[in-house]
Amino acid sequence: MERDYINSVKKQFEYYKILGEKTFDQLNEEKLFWQFNEESNSIAITINHLWGNMKSRWTDFLISDGEKKWRNRDLEFESIIMKRTEMLKKWDDGWNCLFDALNSVNESNFDSEIFIRNQGHSIVEAVNRQMMHYSYHIGQIVYVGRMIKGKEWKSLSIPKGKSKGFNDKKFSQGKH
């Protein structure tokens, strides 16, 4: 069961990672730094926050508190990333840290208690907490990308108005 859970969450994290990347692919560099207003976050700022959270939560996942003393959360919400390449490097670094940590979970340590801000969690609770947090922010990234692209947006799932055709095709293929 432990292996099934970890494999399932890896698939979910990979899905959200791909949604983010498909959004980046639709935007030129300038648009990654666009902010609706001074109080909103650009895609680059959101990625900087995800990176900081991922590095803090997943570094030494099984043996140290997920809120590291070296983390500067407030700085994560500043416009410090200046280039697409820098943004993508942080994106990949955060996800690599996450997947490395998940790959370290096995039957012998699955019942470990994980701490985040000095609060105990089971591995399932800690992983679910982070999965919900990341899906929330990736939804924001996708939404901002869609706002920027408008009618030029290429749907990341079933395009608007195309559900019936999609469902009919899946049903005819025997996949329901």
Protein backbone atom coordinates (compact mmCIF):
# COMPACT_ATOMS: atom_id res chain seq x y z
CA MET A 1 0.00 0.00 0.00
CA GLU A 2 2.85 2.41 0.82
CA ARG A 3 4.35 1.90 -2.63
CA ASP A 4 0.94 2.43 -4.29
CA TYR A 5 0.47 5.69 -2.41
CA ILE A 6 3.93 7.03 -3.29
CA ASN A 7 3.54 6.02 -6.95
CA SER A 8 0.13 7.69 -7.06
CA VAL A 9 1.36 10.98 -5.60
CA LYS A 10 4.37 11.00 -7.93
CA LYS A 11 1.97 10.77 -10.87
CA GLN A 12 -0.12 13.63 -9.47
CA PHE A 13 2.92 15.83 -8.85
CA GLU A 14 4.18 15.06 -12.36
CA TYR A 15 0.79 16.03 -13.80
CA TYR A 16 0.88 19.43 -12.09
CA LYS A 17 4.50 19.93 -13.09
CA ILE A 18 3.52 19.34 -16.73
CA LEU A 19 0.60 21.81 -16.46
CA GLY A 20 3.03 24.48 -15.34
CA GLU A 21 5.47 23.68 -18.14
CA LYS A 22 2.77 23.70 -20.80
CA THR A 23 1.82 27.15 -19.54
CA PHE A 24 5.41 28.44 -19.71
CA ASP A 25 5.69 27.10 -23.25
CA GLN A 26 2.83 29.35 -24.37
CA LEU A 27 4.38 32.54 -23.00
CA ASN A 28 7.27 34.67 -24.10
CA GLU A 29 9.83 35.70 -21.49
CA GLU A 30 8.29 39.10 -20.81
CA LYS A 31 4.91 37.59 -19.94
CA LEU A 32 6.42 35.37 -17.23
CA PHE A 33 7.04 38.58 -15.27
CA TRP A 34 3.66 40.25 -15.88
CA GLN A 35 1.67 41.25 -12.79
CA PHE A 36 -1.98 42.24 -12.84
CA ASN A 37 -1.21 44.86 -10.19
CA GLU A 38 1.42 45.63 -7.57
CA GLU A 39 -0.17 43.26 -5.04
CA SER A 40 -0.40 40.27 -7.38
CA ASN A 41 2.31 37.74 -8.19
CA SER A 42 3.82 37.14 -11.58
CA ILE A 43 4.37 33.58 -12.74
CA ALA A 44 8.07 34.02 -11.94
CA ILE A 45 7.31 35.16 -8.39
CA THR A 46 4.97 32.20 -7.86
CA ILE A 47 7.69 29.84 -9.09
CA ASN A 48 10.22 31.44 -6.78
CA HIS A 49 7.84 30.77 -3.87
CA LEU A 50 7.24 27.17 -5.00
CA TRP A 51 11.00 26.65 -5.24
CA GLY A 52 11.60 28.02 -1.74
CA ASN A 53 8.82 25.90 -0.31
CA MET A 54 9.96 22.76 -2.12
CA LYS A 55 13.59 23.18 -1.06
CA SER A 56 12.57 23.77 2.54
CA ARG A 57 9.96 21.02 2.79
CA TRP A 58 11.76 18.26 0.89
CA THR A 59 15.42 18.74 1.87
CA ASP A 60 16.15 16.10 4.53
CA PHE A 61 12.42 15.33 4.43
CA LEU A 62 12.58 12.40 6.81
CA ILE A 63 14.96 13.85 9.40
CA SER A 64 14.49 17.62 9.75
CA ASP A 65 11.65 20.10 10.11
CA GLY A 66 10.22 21.17 6.75
CA GLU A 67 10.51 24.83 7.68
CA LYS A 68 14.26 25.31 7.45
CA LYS A 69 16.02 28.09 9.34
CA TRP A 70 17.76 29.16 6.11
CA ARG A 71 14.48 29.74 4.26
CA ASN A 72 13.55 33.37 3.61
CA ARG A 73 9.87 33.07 2.71
CA ASP A 74 9.28 36.82 2.43
CA LEU A 75 12.01 37.10 -0.23
CA GLU A 76 10.20 34.42 -2.27
CA PHE A 77 7.51 37.00 -3.05
CA GLU A 78 9.90 39.58 -4.45
CA SER A 79 10.79 40.03 -8.13
CA ILE A 80 14.26 38.52 -7.86
CA ILE A 81 14.12 36.18 -10.86
CA MET A 82 15.02 38.16 -13.98
CA LYS A 83 15.30 35.58 -16.78
CA ARG A 84 13.33 32.59 -18.06
CA THR A 85 16.43 30.40 -17.75
CA GLU A 86 16.80 31.33 -14.07
CA MET A 87 13.10 30.66 -13.48
CA LEU A 88 13.27 27.26 -15.16
CA LYS A 89 16.40 26.34 -13.22
CA LYS A 90 14.59 27.01 -9.92
CA TRP A 91 11.50 25.17 -11.20
CA ASP A 92 13.55 22.07 -12.02
CA ASP A 93 15.62 22.30 -8.83
CA GLY A 94 12.50 22.38 -6.65
CA TRP A 95 10.85 19.46 -8.43
CA ASN A 96 14.07 17.40 -8.35
CA CYS A 97 14.26 17.94 -4.60
CA LEU A 98 10.64 16.82 -4.22
CA PHE A 99 11.02 13.67 -6.36
CA ASP A 100 14.31 12.73 -4.68
CA ALA A 101 12.57 12.93 -1.30
CA LEU A 102 9.62 10.85 -2.47
CA ASN A 103 12.01 8.26 -3.89
CA SER A 104 13.59 7.95 -0.44
CA VAL A 105 10.30 6.79 1.13
CA ASN A 106 10.03 3.03 1.55
CA GLU A 107 8.32 0.44 3.71
CA SER A 108 10.88 0.80 6.50
CA ASN A 109 10.40 4.58 6.91
CA PHE A 110 6.80 5.06 5.76
CA ASP A 111 5.55 5.33 9.34
CA SER A 112 8.00 8.13 10.19
CA GLU A 113 6.69 11.31 11.76
CA ILE A 114 7.41 14.36 9.59
CA PHE A 115 7.59 17.85 11.08
CA ILE A 116 6.54 21.08 9.39
CA ARG A 117 6.84 24.18 11.57
CA ASN A 118 7.27 21.90 14.56
CA GLN A 119 3.91 20.21 13.92
CA GLY A 120 3.95 16.42 13.50
CA HIS A 121 2.51 14.81 10.36
CA SER A 122 2.37 11.32 8.98
CA ILE A 123 4.07 10.98 5.59
CA VAL A 124 0.63 10.87 3.98
CA GLU A 125 -0.41 14.09 5.74
CA ALA A 126 2.84 15.89 4.88
CA VAL A 127 2.75 14.82 1.23
CA ASN A 128 -0.95 15.66 0.85
CA ARG A 129 -0.37 19.06 2.43
CA GLN A 130 2.31 19.86 -0.13
CA MET A 131 0.38 18.41 -3.06
CA MET A 132 -2.59 20.66 -2.28
CA HIS A 133 -0.33 23.67 -1.83
CA TYR A 134 1.43 23.12 -5.17
CA SER A 135 -1.76 22.41 -7.11
CA TYR A 136 -3.19 25.68 -5.72
CA HIS A 137 -0.22 27.68 -7.00
CA ILE A 138 0.02 25.87 -10.31
CA GLY A 139 -3.65 26.63 -10.84
CA GLN A 140 -2.73 30.28 -10.33
CA ILE A 141 0.09 29.98 -12.88
CA VAL A 142 -2.25 28.42 -15.44
CA TYR A 143 -4.92 31.04 -14.78
CA VAL A 144 -2.46 33.92 -15.24
CA GLY A 145 -1.17 32.30 -18.44
CA ARG A 146 -4.70 31.96 -19.72
CA MET A 147 -5.48 35.60 -18.87
CA ILE A 148 -2.38 36.73 -20.75
CA LYS A 149 -3.03 34.61 -23.85
CA GLY A 150 -6.79 35.20 -24.09
CA LYS A 151 -8.22 33.62 -27.26
CA GLU A 152 -4.73 32.39 -28.24
CA TRP A 153 -4.62 30.10 -25.18
CA LYS A 154 -4.16 26.42 -26.03
CA SER A 155 -6.18 24.36 -23.58
CA LEU A 156 -4.23 22.06 -21.27
CA SER A 157 -7.14 19.63 -21.01
CA ILE A 158 -10.47 19.44 -22.82
CA PRO A 159 -11.03 22.72 -24.70
CA LYS A 160 -14.09 24.78 -23.85
CA GLY A 161 -17.14 23.47 -25.72
CA LYS A 162 -15.45 20.17 -26.65
CA SER A 163 -16.48 17.92 -23.73
CA LYS A 164 -19.11 15.94 -25.65
CA GLY A 165 -16.75 15.11 -28.49
CA PHE A 166 -14.02 14.12 -26.03
CA ASN A 167 -16.39 11.92 -24.03
CA ASP A 168 -17.89 10.34 -27.17
CA LYS A 169 -14.40 9.48 -28.42
CA LYS A 170 -13.35 7.95 -25.10
CA PHE A 171 -16.60 5.98 -24.84
CA SER A 172 -16.22 4.61 -28.39
CA GLN A 173 -12.69 3.48 -27.47
CA GLY A 174 -14.07 1.60 -24.48
CA LYS A 175 -12.44 3.93 -21.93
CA HIS A 176 -14.98 5.16 -19.41
